[in-house]
């Protein structure tokens, strides 16, 4: 979980993107995550 969060923060959020992170089946044989993120930076422009 911490590895996924760090990846999202250093790779996407640090570039101004918004990330929706969902982790599934953490205690099973198939733990995995889904990252949905914007395709454009968030800016103050209207």
N, C-alpha and C. Protein backbone atom coordinates (compact mmCIF):
# COMPACT_ATOMS: atom_id res chain seq x y z
N UNK A 1 0.83 -1.19 0.00
CA UNK A 1 0.00 0.00 0.00
C UNK A 1 0.87 1.26 0.00
N UNK A 2 1.89 1.26 0.84
CA UNK A 2 2.78 2.43 0.89
C UNK A 2 3.53 2.62 -0.42
N UNK A 3 3.93 1.54 -1.06
CA UNK A 3 4.64 1.62 -2.34
C UNK A 3 3.74 2.25 -3.41
N UNK A 4 2.48 1.85 -3.44
CA UNK A 4 1.54 2.39 -4.43
C UNK A 4 1.31 3.88 -4.18
N UNK A 5 1.12 4.26 -2.91
CA UNK A 5 0.91 5.67 -2.57
C UNK A 5 2.12 6.51 -2.97
N UNK A 6 3.32 6.01 -2.66
CA UNK A 6 4.53 6.76 -2.99
C UNK A 6 4.68 6.90 -4.50
N UNK A 7 4.39 5.84 -5.25
CA UNK A 7 4.44 5.90 -6.71
C UNK A 7 3.49 6.97 -7.23
N UNK A 8 2.25 6.97 -6.75
CA UNK A 8 1.26 7.95 -7.21
C UNK A 8 1.70 9.37 -6.88
N UNK A 9 2.22 9.57 -5.68
CA UNK A 9 2.63 10.91 -5.26
C UNK A 9 3.83 11.41 -6.06
N UNK A 10 4.85 10.57 -6.22
CA UNK A 10 6.07 11.03 -6.88
C UNK A 10 5.94 11.10 -8.40
N UNK A 11 5.09 10.26 -8.97
CA UNK A 11 4.98 10.21 -10.43
C UNK A 11 3.85 11.07 -10.97
N UNK A 12 2.75 11.17 -10.25
CA UNK A 12 1.57 11.85 -10.79
C UNK A 12 1.21 13.13 -10.04
N UNK A 13 1.01 13.03 -8.74
CA UNK A 13 0.57 14.19 -7.95
C UNK A 13 1.62 15.30 -8.00
N UNK A 14 2.89 14.93 -7.97
CA UNK A 14 3.95 15.94 -8.01
C UNK A 14 3.94 16.73 -9.32
N UNK A 15 3.30 16.22 -10.34
CA UNK A 15 3.19 16.90 -11.63
C UNK A 15 1.86 17.64 -11.79
N UNK A 16 1.09 17.73 -10.69
CA UNK A 16 -0.16 18.49 -10.72
C UNK A 16 -1.38 17.69 -11.13
N UNK A 17 -1.27 16.36 -11.20
CA UNK A 17 -2.40 15.53 -11.59
C UNK A 17 -3.18 15.07 -10.37
N UNK A 18 -4.45 14.83 -10.54
CA UNK A 18 -5.31 14.31 -9.47
C UNK A 18 -5.39 12.80 -9.64
N UNK A 19 -5.24 12.06 -8.52
CA UNK A 19 -5.22 10.60 -8.57
C UNK A 19 -6.30 10.02 -7.67
N UNK A 20 -7.02 9.04 -8.20
CA UNK A 20 -7.97 8.25 -7.42
C UNK A 20 -7.37 6.85 -7.33
N UNK A 21 -7.02 6.43 -6.12
CA UNK A 21 -6.34 5.17 -5.89
C UNK A 21 -7.27 4.19 -5.18
N UNK A 22 -7.43 3.00 -5.75
CA UNK A 22 -8.27 1.96 -5.14
C UNK A 22 -7.47 0.67 -5.06
N UNK A 23 -7.37 0.12 -3.85
CA UNK A 23 -6.65 -1.15 -3.64
C UNK A 23 -7.67 -2.24 -3.36
N UNK A 24 -7.42 -3.43 -3.91
CA UNK A 24 -8.35 -4.54 -3.76
C UNK A 24 -7.64 -5.82 -3.34
N UNK A 25 -8.34 -6.66 -2.63
CA UNK A 25 -7.87 -8.01 -2.27
C UNK A 25 -6.48 -7.99 -1.63
N UNK A 26 -6.27 -7.10 -0.68
CA UNK A 26 -4.94 -6.98 -0.07
C UNK A 26 -4.54 -8.22 0.71
N UNK A 27 -5.49 -8.98 1.22
CA UNK A 27 -5.19 -10.16 2.01
C UNK A 27 -5.42 -11.46 1.24
N UNK A 28 -5.37 -11.40 -0.08
CA UNK A 28 -5.61 -12.59 -0.88
C UNK A 28 -4.40 -12.92 -1.74
N UNK A 29 -4.57 -13.85 -2.63
CA UNK A 29 -3.49 -14.23 -3.54
C UNK A 29 -3.35 -13.27 -4.73
N UNK A 30 -4.26 -12.31 -4.84
CA UNK A 30 -4.23 -11.40 -5.98
C UNK A 30 -4.40 -9.93 -5.55
N UNK A 31 -3.50 -9.42 -4.70
CA UNK A 31 -3.61 -8.01 -4.34
C UNK A 31 -3.27 -7.14 -5.54
N UNK A 32 -4.06 -6.07 -5.75
CA UNK A 32 -3.80 -5.18 -6.87
C UNK A 32 -4.41 -3.81 -6.61
N UNK A 33 -4.02 -2.86 -7.44
CA UNK A 33 -4.52 -1.49 -7.29
C UNK A 33 -4.91 -0.93 -8.65
N UNK A 34 -5.82 0.03 -8.59
CA UNK A 34 -6.25 0.77 -9.77
C UNK A 34 -5.96 2.24 -9.51
N UNK A 35 -5.30 2.89 -10.45
CA UNK A 35 -5.04 4.32 -10.35
C UNK A 35 -5.73 5.02 -11.51
N UNK A 36 -6.64 5.90 -11.19
CA UNK A 36 -7.30 6.73 -12.20
C UNK A 36 -6.77 8.13 -12.01
N UNK A 37 -6.35 8.77 -13.09
CA UNK A 37 -5.80 10.11 -12.93
C UNK A 37 -6.18 10.99 -14.11
N UNK A 38 -6.13 12.29 -13.84
CA UNK A 38 -6.48 13.26 -14.86
C UNK A 38 -5.43 13.26 -15.96
N UNK A 39 -5.80 13.77 -17.11
CA UNK A 39 -4.85 13.84 -18.22
C UNK A 39 -4.25 15.24 -18.38
N UNK A 40 -4.72 16.16 -17.54
CA UNK A 40 -4.18 17.53 -17.58
C UNK A 40 -3.90 17.98 -16.17
N UNK A 41 -2.96 18.92 -16.04
CA UNK A 41 -2.60 19.47 -14.75
C UNK A 41 -3.73 20.32 -14.19
N UNK A 42 -3.86 20.36 -12.89
CA UNK A 42 -4.79 21.25 -12.21
C UNK A 42 -4.11 22.60 -12.04
N UNK A 43 -4.72 23.67 -12.56
CA UNK A 43 -4.15 25.01 -12.46
C UNK A 43 -5.18 25.97 -11.88
N UNK A 44 -4.76 27.18 -11.64
CA UNK A 44 -5.65 28.22 -11.10
C UNK A 44 -6.39 28.97 -12.20
N UNK A 45 -6.16 28.64 -13.43
CA UNK A 45 -6.81 29.34 -14.54
C UNK A 45 -8.28 29.01 -14.59
N UNK A 46 -9.10 30.00 -14.92
CA UNK A 46 -10.54 29.79 -14.99
C UNK A 46 -10.96 29.36 -16.37
